[in-house]
N, C-alpha and C. Protein backbone atom coordinates (compact mmCIF):
# COMPACT_ATOMS: atom_id res chain seq x y z
N MET A 1 78.58 42.01 16.95
CA MET A 1 78.01 40.66 17.14
C MET A 1 76.48 40.74 17.22
N ALA A 2 76.01 41.73 17.92
CA ALA A 2 74.56 41.87 18.04
C ALA A 2 73.92 42.15 16.70
N THR A 3 74.64 42.95 15.89
CA THR A 3 74.10 43.25 14.56
C THR A 3 74.04 42.02 13.71
N LEU A 4 75.05 41.17 13.77
CA LEU A 4 75.05 39.92 12.98
C LEU A 4 73.92 38.99 13.42
N VAL A 5 73.74 38.89 14.72
CA VAL A 5 72.66 38.01 15.22
C VAL A 5 71.30 38.54 14.78
N PHE A 6 71.11 39.84 14.88
CA PHE A 6 69.82 40.42 14.48
C PHE A 6 69.58 40.23 12.99
N GLY A 7 70.59 40.38 12.18
CA GLY A 7 70.45 40.19 10.74
C GLY A 7 70.13 38.76 10.38
N ALA A 8 70.78 37.80 11.06
CA ALA A 8 70.50 36.37 10.79
C ALA A 8 69.08 36.02 11.16
N LEU A 9 68.60 36.55 12.29
CA LEU A 9 67.23 36.27 12.71
C LEU A 9 66.22 36.87 11.76
N ALA A 10 66.48 38.07 11.28
CA ALA A 10 65.56 38.69 10.33
C ALA A 10 65.52 37.93 9.03
N THR A 11 66.68 37.47 8.56
CA THR A 11 66.71 36.68 7.32
C THR A 11 65.94 35.38 7.47
N PHE A 12 66.05 34.74 8.61
CA PHE A 12 65.33 33.48 8.87
C PHE A 12 63.82 33.71 8.86
N LEU A 13 63.40 34.78 9.50
CA LEU A 13 61.97 35.08 9.54
C LEU A 13 61.43 35.38 8.14
N LEU A 14 62.22 36.08 7.33
CA LEU A 14 61.80 36.37 5.96
C LEU A 14 61.67 35.09 5.15
N LEU A 15 62.63 34.19 5.32
CA LEU A 15 62.58 32.91 4.59
C LEU A 15 61.36 32.09 5.00
N VAL A 16 61.08 32.07 6.30
CA VAL A 16 59.90 31.32 6.77
C VAL A 16 58.62 31.93 6.24
N ALA A 17 58.52 33.25 6.27
CA ALA A 17 57.32 33.93 5.79
C ALA A 17 57.11 33.72 4.31
N SER A 18 58.19 33.72 3.53
CA SER A 18 58.06 33.52 2.09
C SER A 18 57.80 32.07 1.73
N ALA A 19 58.24 31.15 2.55
CA ALA A 19 58.07 29.72 2.25
C ALA A 19 56.73 29.20 2.70
N SER A 20 56.09 29.81 3.70
CA SER A 20 54.83 29.29 4.24
C SER A 20 53.70 29.25 3.22
N PRO A 21 53.52 30.26 2.38
CA PRO A 21 52.45 30.13 1.37
C PRO A 21 52.72 29.02 0.39
N ALA A 22 53.98 28.77 0.03
CA ALA A 22 54.28 27.72 -0.93
C ALA A 22 54.06 26.35 -0.35
N THR A 23 54.31 26.20 0.98
CA THR A 23 54.16 24.89 1.60
C THR A 23 52.75 24.67 2.17
N ALA A 24 51.86 25.68 2.14
CA ALA A 24 50.49 25.51 2.65
C ALA A 24 49.72 24.57 1.74
N HIS A 25 48.92 23.62 2.34
CA HIS A 25 48.15 22.63 1.58
C HIS A 25 46.79 23.20 1.21
N SER A 26 46.31 22.81 0.02
CA SER A 26 44.97 23.18 -0.40
C SER A 26 43.96 22.29 0.32
N GLU A 27 42.82 22.85 0.70
CA GLU A 27 41.80 22.08 1.42
C GLU A 27 40.44 22.74 1.21
N LEU A 28 39.41 21.97 1.57
CA LEU A 28 38.04 22.47 1.45
C LEU A 28 37.78 23.45 2.59
N ALA A 29 37.37 24.65 2.24
CA ALA A 29 37.09 25.67 3.25
C ALA A 29 35.64 25.62 3.71
N SER A 30 34.69 25.41 2.80
CA SER A 30 33.27 25.35 3.15
C SER A 30 32.52 24.63 2.03
N SER A 31 31.28 24.27 2.34
CA SER A 31 30.44 23.58 1.34
C SER A 31 28.99 23.95 1.58
N ASN A 32 28.21 23.81 0.53
CA ASN A 32 26.76 24.03 0.60
C ASN A 32 26.07 22.92 -0.21
N PRO A 33 25.46 21.93 0.46
CA PRO A 33 25.19 21.81 1.89
C PRO A 33 26.47 21.59 2.71
N ALA A 34 26.39 21.95 3.98
CA ALA A 34 27.51 21.72 4.88
C ALA A 34 27.48 20.28 5.40
N GLN A 35 28.55 19.89 6.05
CA GLN A 35 28.65 18.54 6.60
C GLN A 35 27.52 18.31 7.62
N ASP A 36 26.76 17.20 7.42
CA ASP A 36 25.66 16.77 8.29
C ASP A 36 24.51 17.77 8.34
N GLN A 37 24.38 18.61 7.35
CA GLN A 37 23.26 19.54 7.31
C GLN A 37 21.99 18.81 6.91
N VAL A 38 20.86 19.22 7.48
CA VAL A 38 19.56 18.62 7.18
C VAL A 38 18.76 19.62 6.36
N LEU A 39 18.34 19.21 5.18
CA LEU A 39 17.61 20.07 4.25
C LEU A 39 16.16 19.64 4.15
N ASP A 40 15.30 20.58 3.82
CA ASP A 40 13.88 20.26 3.63
C ASP A 40 13.64 19.55 2.30
N GLN A 41 14.47 19.79 1.32
CA GLN A 41 14.34 19.14 0.02
C GLN A 41 15.71 19.05 -0.64
N MET A 42 15.76 18.23 -1.68
CA MET A 42 17.01 18.03 -2.39
C MET A 42 17.43 19.33 -3.09
N PRO A 43 18.70 19.75 -2.93
CA PRO A 43 19.14 20.98 -3.60
C PRO A 43 19.28 20.76 -5.09
N THR A 44 19.19 21.85 -5.83
CA THR A 44 19.37 21.78 -7.29
C THR A 44 20.84 21.87 -7.69
N GLN A 45 21.69 22.37 -6.78
CA GLN A 45 23.11 22.43 -7.06
C GLN A 45 23.92 22.34 -5.77
N LEU A 46 25.15 21.92 -5.91
CA LEU A 46 26.09 21.79 -4.80
C LEU A 46 27.22 22.77 -5.02
N GLN A 47 27.78 23.28 -3.91
CA GLN A 47 28.88 24.23 -4.03
C GLN A 47 29.98 23.88 -3.03
N LEU A 48 31.20 23.78 -3.54
CA LEU A 48 32.39 23.50 -2.74
C LEU A 48 33.34 24.67 -2.89
N THR A 49 33.79 25.20 -1.77
CA THR A 49 34.71 26.34 -1.77
C THR A 49 36.02 25.93 -1.10
N PHE A 50 37.12 26.10 -1.83
CA PHE A 50 38.44 25.71 -1.33
C PHE A 50 39.24 26.97 -0.95
N ASN A 51 40.37 26.73 -0.30
CA ASN A 51 41.19 27.87 0.13
C ASN A 51 42.16 28.33 -0.96
N GLN A 52 42.18 27.63 -2.08
CA GLN A 52 43.01 28.04 -3.22
C GLN A 52 42.23 27.82 -4.50
N ASN A 53 42.69 28.44 -5.56
CA ASN A 53 42.05 28.25 -6.87
C ASN A 53 42.17 26.80 -7.31
N ILE A 54 41.18 26.36 -8.06
CA ILE A 54 41.09 24.97 -8.50
C ILE A 54 41.28 24.92 -10.01
N ALA A 55 42.03 23.89 -10.45
CA ALA A 55 42.22 23.69 -11.89
C ALA A 55 40.94 23.12 -12.49
N PRO A 56 40.31 23.80 -13.44
CA PRO A 56 39.02 23.34 -13.98
C PRO A 56 39.09 21.99 -14.65
N GLU A 57 40.19 21.64 -15.27
CA GLU A 57 40.25 20.40 -16.05
C GLU A 57 40.33 19.15 -15.19
N PHE A 58 40.58 19.27 -13.89
CA PHE A 58 40.73 18.07 -13.05
C PHE A 58 39.66 17.99 -11.95
N ALA A 59 38.61 18.75 -12.04
CA ALA A 59 37.57 18.74 -11.01
C ALA A 59 36.53 17.67 -11.33
N ALA A 60 36.21 16.87 -10.34
CA ALA A 60 35.20 15.81 -10.49
C ALA A 60 34.40 15.70 -9.20
N VAL A 61 33.08 15.59 -9.33
CA VAL A 61 32.18 15.49 -8.19
C VAL A 61 31.15 14.39 -8.48
N THR A 62 30.87 13.54 -7.47
CA THR A 62 29.84 12.50 -7.59
C THR A 62 28.87 12.64 -6.42
N LEU A 63 27.65 12.16 -6.63
CA LEU A 63 26.60 12.20 -5.60
C LEU A 63 26.04 10.79 -5.45
N THR A 64 26.04 10.27 -4.22
CA THR A 64 25.67 8.88 -3.97
C THR A 64 24.73 8.80 -2.78
N PRO A 65 23.62 8.02 -2.87
CA PRO A 65 22.78 7.79 -1.69
C PRO A 65 23.52 6.90 -0.68
N VAL A 66 23.55 7.33 0.58
CA VAL A 66 24.30 6.59 1.60
C VAL A 66 23.67 5.22 1.85
N SER A 67 22.34 5.10 1.70
CA SER A 67 21.66 3.83 1.95
C SER A 67 22.03 2.76 0.94
N GLY A 68 22.64 3.14 -0.15
CA GLY A 68 23.04 2.19 -1.18
C GLY A 68 22.64 2.66 -2.55
N GLY A 69 23.52 2.49 -3.50
CA GLY A 69 23.24 2.93 -4.86
C GLY A 69 24.52 3.30 -5.58
N GLN A 70 24.44 3.44 -6.87
CA GLN A 70 25.59 3.78 -7.68
C GLN A 70 25.87 5.28 -7.61
N PRO A 71 27.14 5.67 -7.54
CA PRO A 71 27.46 7.10 -7.57
C PRO A 71 27.12 7.70 -8.92
N THR A 72 26.63 8.92 -8.90
CA THR A 72 26.27 9.64 -10.12
C THR A 72 27.22 10.82 -10.31
N SER A 73 27.90 10.83 -11.44
CA SER A 73 28.79 11.95 -11.74
C SER A 73 27.95 13.15 -12.17
N VAL A 74 28.26 14.31 -11.60
CA VAL A 74 27.50 15.53 -11.90
C VAL A 74 28.40 16.51 -12.62
N ASP A 75 27.79 17.34 -13.45
CA ASP A 75 28.53 18.37 -14.19
C ASP A 75 28.98 19.46 -13.24
N VAL A 76 30.23 19.89 -13.39
CA VAL A 76 30.80 20.88 -12.48
C VAL A 76 31.21 22.13 -13.27
N THR A 77 31.19 23.23 -12.55
CA THR A 77 31.67 24.51 -13.07
C THR A 77 32.67 25.08 -12.07
N VAL A 78 33.88 25.40 -12.53
CA VAL A 78 34.94 25.88 -11.65
C VAL A 78 35.18 27.36 -11.93
N LYS A 79 35.17 28.11 -10.86
CA LYS A 79 35.47 29.55 -10.97
C LYS A 79 36.33 29.93 -9.77
N GLY A 80 37.64 30.02 -9.99
CA GLY A 80 38.56 30.34 -8.91
C GLY A 80 38.57 29.21 -7.89
N PRO A 81 38.32 29.50 -6.61
CA PRO A 81 38.32 28.45 -5.59
C PRO A 81 36.97 27.75 -5.44
N LYS A 82 35.94 28.15 -6.21
CA LYS A 82 34.60 27.60 -6.07
C LYS A 82 34.31 26.58 -7.16
N VAL A 83 33.75 25.45 -6.73
CA VAL A 83 33.33 24.39 -7.64
C VAL A 83 31.82 24.20 -7.45
N THR A 84 31.07 24.41 -8.50
CA THR A 84 29.61 24.27 -8.45
C THR A 84 29.19 23.06 -9.27
N ALA A 85 28.34 22.22 -8.69
CA ALA A 85 27.88 21.00 -9.35
C ALA A 85 26.36 21.02 -9.43
N ALA A 86 25.81 20.77 -10.63
CA ALA A 86 24.36 20.73 -10.83
C ALA A 86 23.83 19.34 -10.50
N VAL A 87 22.77 19.26 -9.70
CA VAL A 87 22.15 17.98 -9.32
C VAL A 87 21.19 17.56 -10.42
N PRO A 88 21.33 16.34 -10.98
CA PRO A 88 20.40 15.88 -12.03
C PRO A 88 18.96 15.85 -11.54
N ALA A 89 18.04 15.99 -12.48
CA ALA A 89 16.61 16.05 -12.13
C ALA A 89 16.13 14.75 -11.50
N ASP A 90 16.64 13.60 -11.97
CA ASP A 90 16.17 12.34 -11.42
C ASP A 90 16.59 12.16 -9.96
N LEU A 91 17.72 12.74 -9.58
CA LEU A 91 18.15 12.66 -8.18
C LEU A 91 17.37 13.64 -7.31
N GLN A 92 16.87 14.70 -7.90
CA GLN A 92 16.10 15.67 -7.11
C GLN A 92 14.78 15.08 -6.64
N THR A 93 14.26 14.10 -7.36
CA THR A 93 12.99 13.46 -7.00
C THR A 93 13.19 12.10 -6.35
N SER A 94 14.41 11.78 -5.97
CA SER A 94 14.69 10.48 -5.37
C SER A 94 14.11 10.40 -3.95
N ASP A 95 13.81 9.16 -3.51
CA ASP A 95 13.27 8.94 -2.17
C ASP A 95 14.36 8.80 -1.11
N ALA A 96 15.62 8.73 -1.52
CA ALA A 96 16.70 8.58 -0.55
C ALA A 96 16.79 9.81 0.34
N ASP A 97 17.13 9.60 1.63
CA ASP A 97 17.18 10.73 2.55
C ASP A 97 18.60 11.13 2.94
N ARG A 98 19.57 10.23 2.81
CA ARG A 98 20.95 10.57 3.16
C ARG A 98 21.82 10.48 1.91
N TRP A 99 22.66 11.52 1.71
CA TRP A 99 23.46 11.62 0.50
C TRP A 99 24.91 11.94 0.86
N ARG A 100 25.79 11.57 -0.05
CA ARG A 100 27.22 11.83 0.13
C ARG A 100 27.81 12.48 -1.12
N ILE A 101 28.43 13.62 -0.92
CA ILE A 101 29.15 14.31 -2.00
C ILE A 101 30.61 13.87 -1.92
N ALA A 102 31.09 13.31 -3.00
CA ALA A 102 32.52 12.93 -3.08
C ALA A 102 33.18 13.81 -4.15
N TYR A 103 34.29 14.44 -3.77
CA TYR A 103 34.97 15.35 -4.71
C TYR A 103 36.44 14.96 -4.82
N ARG A 104 36.97 15.24 -5.98
CA ARG A 104 38.41 15.08 -6.24
C ARG A 104 38.81 16.19 -7.21
N VAL A 105 39.61 17.12 -6.70
CA VAL A 105 40.02 18.28 -7.50
C VAL A 105 41.53 18.46 -7.35
N THR A 106 42.05 19.37 -8.15
CA THR A 106 43.48 19.69 -8.11
C THR A 106 43.62 21.21 -8.03
N SER A 107 44.37 21.64 -7.04
CA SER A 107 44.57 23.08 -6.88
C SER A 107 45.46 23.62 -7.99
N ALA A 108 45.52 24.95 -8.07
CA ALA A 108 46.28 25.57 -9.15
C ALA A 108 47.76 25.24 -9.07
N ASP A 109 48.27 24.92 -7.86
CA ASP A 109 49.69 24.58 -7.73
C ASP A 109 49.95 23.10 -7.94
N GLY A 110 48.89 22.35 -8.34
CA GLY A 110 49.07 20.94 -8.65
C GLY A 110 48.83 20.00 -7.48
N HIS A 111 48.35 20.50 -6.37
CA HIS A 111 48.11 19.63 -5.20
C HIS A 111 46.71 19.01 -5.31
N PRO A 112 46.60 17.65 -5.27
CA PRO A 112 45.29 17.00 -5.36
C PRO A 112 44.54 17.10 -4.03
N ILE A 113 43.24 17.23 -4.13
CA ILE A 113 42.38 17.31 -2.94
C ILE A 113 41.18 16.39 -3.18
N ASP A 114 40.88 15.55 -2.19
CA ASP A 114 39.68 14.71 -2.27
C ASP A 114 39.07 14.59 -0.88
N GLY A 115 37.80 14.27 -0.85
CA GLY A 115 37.08 14.14 0.41
C GLY A 115 35.60 13.94 0.16
N THR A 116 34.83 13.92 1.24
CA THR A 116 33.38 13.70 1.15
C THR A 116 32.66 14.68 2.08
N VAL A 117 31.41 14.94 1.72
CA VAL A 117 30.50 15.76 2.54
C VAL A 117 29.16 15.04 2.57
N ASP A 118 28.66 14.74 3.77
CA ASP A 118 27.38 14.06 3.93
C ASP A 118 26.31 15.06 4.35
N PHE A 119 25.10 14.88 3.82
CA PHE A 119 23.97 15.70 4.23
C PHE A 119 22.71 14.85 4.17
N LYS A 120 21.63 15.38 4.74
CA LYS A 120 20.38 14.63 4.85
C LYS A 120 19.23 15.47 4.32
N VAL A 121 18.26 14.79 3.70
CA VAL A 121 17.05 15.44 3.19
C VAL A 121 15.86 14.86 3.95
N ARG A 122 15.05 15.75 4.52
CA ARG A 122 13.87 15.28 5.26
C ARG A 122 12.90 14.59 4.32
N ALA A 123 12.18 13.61 4.87
CA ALA A 123 11.15 12.92 4.07
C ALA A 123 10.04 13.89 3.75
N ALA A 124 9.56 13.83 2.52
CA ALA A 124 8.51 14.74 2.09
C ALA A 124 7.21 14.42 2.80
N ALA A 125 6.50 15.46 3.25
CA ALA A 125 5.21 15.27 3.91
C ALA A 125 4.17 14.84 2.88
N PRO A 126 3.16 14.05 3.29
CA PRO A 126 2.13 13.63 2.34
C PRO A 126 1.38 14.80 1.76
N ASP A 127 1.09 14.72 0.49
CA ASP A 127 0.39 15.79 -0.22
C ASP A 127 -1.09 15.77 0.13
N PRO A 128 -1.63 16.86 0.75
CA PRO A 128 -3.06 16.84 1.11
C PRO A 128 -3.96 16.64 -0.09
N SER A 129 -3.57 17.20 -1.24
CA SER A 129 -4.40 17.02 -2.43
C SER A 129 -4.46 15.57 -2.85
N ALA A 130 -3.33 14.85 -2.63
CA ALA A 130 -3.31 13.43 -3.00
C ALA A 130 -4.22 12.63 -2.09
N THR A 131 -4.26 12.98 -0.79
CA THR A 131 -5.12 12.26 0.13
C THR A 131 -6.59 12.59 -0.08
N SER A 132 -6.87 13.81 -0.59
CA SER A 132 -8.26 14.20 -0.80
C SER A 132 -8.77 13.78 -2.16
N GLU A 133 -7.90 13.29 -3.03
CA GLU A 133 -8.34 12.88 -4.36
C GLU A 133 -9.31 11.71 -4.33
N PRO A 134 -9.10 10.68 -3.43
CA PRO A 134 -10.04 9.57 -3.45
C PRO A 134 -11.47 9.97 -3.13
N SER A 135 -11.67 11.07 -2.30
CA SER A 135 -13.03 11.43 -1.93
C SER A 135 -13.90 11.83 -3.12
N PRO A 136 -13.34 12.63 -4.10
CA PRO A 136 -14.19 12.92 -5.28
C PRO A 136 -14.55 11.68 -6.06
N GLY A 137 -13.70 10.63 -5.94
CA GLY A 137 -13.98 9.42 -6.72
C GLY A 137 -15.31 8.80 -6.38
N PRO A 138 -15.55 8.49 -5.05
CA PRO A 138 -16.84 7.91 -4.71
C PRO A 138 -18.01 8.80 -5.03
N SER A 139 -17.81 10.18 -4.82
CA SER A 139 -18.92 11.07 -5.11
C SER A 139 -19.25 11.06 -6.59
N SER A 140 -18.17 10.97 -7.42
CA SER A 140 -18.42 10.94 -8.84
C SER A 140 -19.12 9.66 -9.25
N THR A 141 -18.72 8.56 -8.59
CA THR A 141 -19.38 7.30 -8.91
C THR A 141 -20.83 7.31 -8.45
N SER A 142 -21.04 7.93 -7.25
CA SER A 142 -22.42 8.00 -6.78
C SER A 142 -23.26 8.88 -7.67
N SER A 143 -22.63 10.02 -8.12
CA SER A 143 -23.38 10.89 -9.01
C SER A 143 -23.66 10.20 -10.33
N SER A 144 -22.67 9.43 -10.80
CA SER A 144 -22.90 8.71 -12.04
C SER A 144 -23.97 7.67 -11.89
N SER A 145 -23.95 7.00 -10.69
CA SER A 145 -25.00 6.02 -10.46
C SER A 145 -26.35 6.69 -10.32
N ALA A 146 -26.32 7.93 -9.68
CA ALA A 146 -27.58 8.65 -9.54
C ALA A 146 -28.10 9.10 -10.89
N SER A 147 -27.13 9.56 -11.75
CA SER A 147 -27.55 10.00 -13.07
C SER A 147 -28.06 8.85 -13.90
N SER A 148 -27.44 7.69 -13.68
CA SER A 148 -27.90 6.54 -14.45
C SER A 148 -29.11 5.87 -13.81
N GLY A 149 -29.49 6.39 -12.59
CA GLY A 149 -30.60 5.79 -11.86
C GLY A 149 -31.88 5.74 -12.64
N PRO A 150 -32.31 6.90 -13.23
CA PRO A 150 -33.59 6.86 -13.96
C PRO A 150 -33.58 5.84 -15.08
N GLY A 151 -32.44 5.67 -15.71
CA GLY A 151 -32.39 4.70 -16.80
C GLY A 151 -32.49 3.29 -16.28
N THR A 152 -31.83 3.06 -15.14
CA THR A 152 -31.81 1.71 -14.60
C THR A 152 -33.08 1.36 -13.87
N THR A 153 -33.75 2.40 -13.31
CA THR A 153 -34.97 2.11 -12.58
C THR A 153 -36.03 1.55 -13.50
N GLY A 154 -36.06 2.06 -14.73
CA GLY A 154 -37.03 1.52 -15.68
C GLY A 154 -36.80 0.05 -15.92
N GLU A 155 -35.51 -0.31 -16.01
CA GLU A 155 -35.19 -1.72 -16.25
C GLU A 155 -35.55 -2.55 -15.04
N THR A 156 -35.22 -2.03 -13.84
CA THR A 156 -35.52 -2.79 -12.63
C THR A 156 -37.02 -2.92 -12.42
N ASP A 157 -37.77 -1.85 -12.83
CA ASP A 157 -39.22 -1.94 -12.69
C ASP A 157 -39.78 -3.03 -13.59
N GLN A 158 -39.18 -3.14 -14.78
CA GLN A 158 -39.66 -4.18 -15.69
C GLN A 158 -39.30 -5.56 -15.18
N ALA A 159 -38.11 -5.66 -14.57
CA ALA A 159 -37.66 -6.97 -14.10
C ALA A 159 -38.58 -7.53 -13.05
N PRO A 160 -39.00 -6.73 -12.01
CA PRO A 160 -39.95 -7.29 -11.04
C PRO A 160 -41.25 -7.70 -11.65
N GLU A 161 -41.73 -6.93 -12.70
CA GLU A 161 -42.99 -7.31 -13.31
C GLU A 161 -42.91 -8.69 -13.93
N SER A 162 -41.79 -8.94 -14.64
CA SER A 162 -41.65 -10.25 -15.25
C SER A 162 -41.55 -11.33 -14.20
N SER A 163 -40.85 -11.01 -13.09
CA SER A 163 -40.73 -12.01 -12.04
C SER A 163 -42.07 -12.24 -11.36
N SER A 164 -42.86 -11.14 -11.23
CA SER A 164 -44.16 -11.30 -10.59
C SER A 164 -45.09 -12.14 -11.46
N THR A 165 -44.97 -12.02 -12.77
CA THR A 165 -45.82 -12.82 -13.66
C THR A 165 -45.39 -14.28 -13.65
N GLN A 166 -44.11 -14.51 -13.37
CA GLN A 166 -43.64 -15.90 -13.37
C GLN A 166 -43.95 -16.57 -12.05
N THR A 167 -43.84 -15.82 -10.96
CA THR A 167 -44.01 -16.44 -9.65
C THR A 167 -45.40 -17.02 -9.43
N PRO A 168 -46.50 -16.37 -9.93
CA PRO A 168 -47.82 -16.99 -9.73
C PRO A 168 -47.95 -18.32 -10.45
N SER A 169 -47.28 -18.46 -11.62
CA SER A 169 -47.41 -19.70 -12.38
C SER A 169 -46.82 -20.86 -11.61
N GLN A 170 -45.70 -20.59 -10.88
CA GLN A 170 -45.07 -21.68 -10.14
C GLN A 170 -45.93 -22.14 -8.96
N PRO A 171 -46.41 -21.16 -8.15
CA PRO A 171 -47.29 -21.62 -7.06
C PRO A 171 -48.54 -22.30 -7.58
N SER A 172 -49.12 -21.87 -8.76
CA SER A 172 -50.34 -22.48 -9.27
C SER A 172 -50.11 -23.94 -9.59
N SER A 173 -48.89 -24.24 -10.16
CA SER A 173 -48.59 -25.64 -10.46
C SER A 173 -48.45 -26.44 -9.19
N ASP A 174 -47.83 -25.78 -8.17
CA ASP A 174 -47.65 -26.48 -6.89
C ASP A 174 -48.99 -26.70 -6.22
N ASP A 175 -49.86 -25.63 -6.31
CA ASP A 175 -51.17 -25.74 -5.66
C ASP A 175 -52.03 -26.79 -6.34
N SER A 176 -51.92 -26.89 -7.68
CA SER A 176 -52.73 -27.87 -8.40
C SER A 176 -52.31 -29.28 -8.05
N SER A 177 -51.00 -29.45 -7.82
CA SER A 177 -50.54 -30.80 -7.47
C SER A 177 -50.84 -31.11 -6.02
N ALA A 178 -50.88 -30.04 -5.15
CA ALA A 178 -51.09 -30.28 -3.73
C ALA A 178 -52.47 -30.86 -3.45
N PRO A 179 -53.57 -30.31 -4.03
CA PRO A 179 -54.89 -30.88 -3.72
C PRO A 179 -55.01 -32.32 -4.15
N THR A 180 -54.41 -32.74 -5.24
CA THR A 180 -54.52 -34.13 -5.68
C THR A 180 -53.83 -35.05 -4.71
N ALA A 181 -52.77 -34.54 -4.04
CA ALA A 181 -52.06 -35.41 -3.10
C ALA A 181 -52.81 -35.49 -1.79
N ASP A 182 -53.41 -34.39 -1.34
CA ASP A 182 -54.05 -34.38 -0.03
C ASP A 182 -55.26 -35.30 0.04
N PRO A 183 -56.17 -35.28 -0.98
CA PRO A 183 -57.32 -36.21 -0.92
C PRO A 183 -56.88 -37.65 -0.85
N GLY A 184 -55.82 -37.97 -1.57
CA GLY A 184 -55.35 -39.35 -1.53
C GLY A 184 -54.95 -39.74 -0.13
N LEU A 185 -54.20 -38.81 0.51
CA LEU A 185 -53.76 -39.11 1.87
C LEU A 185 -54.95 -39.23 2.81
N SER A 186 -55.95 -38.33 2.63
CA SER A 186 -57.12 -38.38 3.52
C SER A 186 -57.90 -39.67 3.29
N ARG A 187 -58.01 -40.09 1.99
CA ARG A 187 -58.73 -41.33 1.71
C ARG A 187 -58.04 -42.53 2.32
N SER A 188 -56.72 -42.53 2.14
CA SER A 188 -55.99 -43.68 2.70
C SER A 188 -56.11 -43.71 4.20
N ALA A 189 -56.08 -42.49 4.81
CA ALA A 189 -56.22 -42.45 6.26
C ALA A 189 -57.61 -42.90 6.67
N GLY A 190 -58.66 -42.45 5.90
CA GLY A 190 -60.03 -42.86 6.23
C GLY A 190 -60.24 -44.35 6.02
N GLY A 191 -59.68 -44.85 4.88
CA GLY A 191 -59.83 -46.28 4.64
C GLY A 191 -59.17 -47.12 5.71
N GLY A 192 -58.01 -46.63 6.16
CA GLY A 192 -57.32 -47.38 7.22
C GLY A 192 -58.12 -47.40 8.50
N SER A 193 -58.73 -46.27 8.84
CA SER A 193 -59.52 -46.22 10.08
C SER A 193 -60.76 -47.11 9.97
N GLN A 194 -61.40 -47.10 8.76
CA GLN A 194 -62.58 -47.96 8.58
C GLN A 194 -62.20 -49.43 8.69
N THR A 195 -61.09 -49.80 8.11
CA THR A 195 -60.65 -51.21 8.18
C THR A 195 -60.37 -51.62 9.61
N LEU A 196 -59.72 -50.70 10.37
CA LEU A 196 -59.43 -51.01 11.76
C LEU A 196 -60.71 -51.16 12.57
N ALA A 197 -61.72 -50.32 12.28
CA ALA A 197 -62.99 -50.44 13.01
C ALA A 197 -63.70 -51.76 12.68
N THR A 198 -63.66 -52.14 11.41
CA THR A 198 -64.29 -53.41 10.99
C THR A 198 -63.65 -54.59 11.69
N ILE A 199 -62.28 -54.56 11.79
CA ILE A 199 -61.57 -55.66 12.45
C ILE A 199 -61.95 -55.74 13.92
N LEU A 200 -62.04 -54.54 14.56
CA LEU A 200 -62.39 -54.54 15.98
C LEU A 200 -63.80 -55.09 16.19
N ILE A 201 -64.72 -54.67 15.32
CA ILE A 201 -66.10 -55.16 15.44
C ILE A 201 -66.15 -56.68 15.25
N GLY A 202 -65.38 -57.14 14.24
CA GLY A 202 -65.36 -58.60 14.01
C GLY A 202 -64.82 -59.36 15.20
N LEU A 203 -63.74 -58.80 15.81
CA LEU A 203 -63.16 -59.46 16.98
C LEU A 203 -64.15 -59.48 18.13
N ILE A 204 -64.86 -58.36 18.33
CA ILE A 204 -65.83 -58.33 19.43
C ILE A 204 -66.95 -59.34 19.18
N ALA A 205 -67.40 -59.38 17.92
CA ALA A 205 -68.48 -60.34 17.60
C ALA A 205 -68.02 -61.78 17.79
N ALA A 206 -66.75 -62.03 17.35
CA ALA A 206 -66.24 -63.40 17.51
C ALA A 206 -66.12 -63.76 18.97
N MET A 207 -65.66 -62.81 19.81
CA MET A 207 -65.55 -63.08 21.23
C MET A 207 -66.93 -63.32 21.84
N GLY A 208 -67.92 -62.56 21.36
CA GLY A 208 -69.28 -62.77 21.89
C GLY A 208 -69.81 -64.14 21.52
N VAL A 209 -69.63 -64.53 20.27
CA VAL A 209 -70.11 -65.84 19.83
C VAL A 209 -69.41 -66.95 20.61
N THR A 210 -68.10 -66.78 20.80
CA THR A 210 -67.34 -67.79 21.53
C THR A 210 -67.84 -67.90 22.96
N ALA A 211 -68.10 -66.72 23.54
CA ALA A 211 -68.59 -66.76 24.92
C ALA A 211 -69.96 -67.47 25.01
N VAL A 212 -70.81 -67.21 24.05
CA VAL A 212 -72.12 -67.86 24.04
C VAL A 212 -71.98 -69.36 23.87
N LEU A 213 -71.10 -69.78 22.96
CA LEU A 213 -70.89 -71.21 22.75
C LEU A 213 -70.35 -71.88 24.00
N VAL A 214 -69.41 -71.21 24.66
CA VAL A 214 -68.86 -71.81 25.89
C VAL A 214 -69.95 -71.94 26.95
N TRP A 215 -70.79 -70.91 27.06
CA TRP A 215 -71.86 -70.94 28.07
C TRP A 215 -72.85 -72.06 27.79
N LEU A 216 -73.22 -72.26 26.47
CA LEU A 216 -74.15 -73.32 26.11
C LEU A 216 -73.54 -74.68 26.37
N THR A 217 -72.27 -74.82 26.06
CA THR A 217 -71.61 -76.11 26.27
C THR A 217 -71.60 -76.47 27.74
N ARG A 218 -71.27 -75.56 28.62
CA ARG A 218 -71.22 -75.84 30.05
C ARG A 218 -72.64 -76.17 30.59
N ARG A 219 -73.62 -75.48 30.04
CA ARG A 219 -75.00 -75.73 30.51
C ARG A 219 -75.45 -77.12 30.15
N LYS A 220 -75.08 -77.58 28.91
CA LYS A 220 -75.45 -78.93 28.51
C LYS A 220 -74.77 -79.96 29.39
N GLU A 221 -73.49 -79.68 29.72
CA GLU A 221 -72.80 -80.64 30.58
C GLU A 221 -73.41 -80.70 31.96
N GLU A 222 -73.88 -79.62 32.46
CA GLU A 222 -74.47 -79.60 33.77
C GLU A 222 -75.80 -80.36 33.76
N GLU A 223 -76.54 -80.28 32.67
CA GLU A 223 -77.81 -81.00 32.62
C GLU A 223 -77.57 -82.49 32.52
C-alpha cells in the first residue's frame, strides 16, 4: 500500500512539473526605459524583454506623448525574447516630456501580450551659445555703424552747414520786419501821449478862462 501511494504521488508531481511550463503565461520581464524612469534626453531606441520568445510577424510598438498627440508606430526588430524599436528622428527632438510605450506582441506559443510602459524626459536646459548669440549682434551693429561713421560724418557735416546758411536768412527776414513794426508802435505811442498832453493843456486853459470869467462877472455884480 505504501508503495502504491508513493508511486501515485510521484506521478502527480511529474505531471505538475511537466504541465507548468506549458501553462505559464508570457509577460514582459524588463524594459529600457523602465517604468517611470526619468531620462536626460529622448532615447534613440526602445527595448522590451519578455520571458519567452516572441513571434516576429506579430510584434507592434507605438510611442505616444502622454500630454496629448497621435500614437506613432515605430519599426521593431525581434530577436528571441527581445523586441527593439527605433525612435523616429522627429520624436527625438520633440518638446514633450512624458511618453508612453504601447506594445502588442505574440509569444512563440501563440499567447498574445500587450501593455504599456511610461517614462519621462527632462526638459532641455537653455543653450548658453543661444543666449550669448544676441550679444555679438549689437556689437556687430555698433561696429558697422562705427565703420560707416566716417562716411556718414561727412554727410552730417554738410547738413549742418546747409542748415547754418539757411538759419541766418530766416532771422534776417524777421529782423528786417521787426524794426519796421517797432517804430510804428513807438510813433503811435508818442502821438497818443502828445494828444493826451494837448487835451490836458486845453482843459486847464479852459478852466482858467472860465474861472476868470466867473470872477469878472461877480465883480461887476458887486459894483
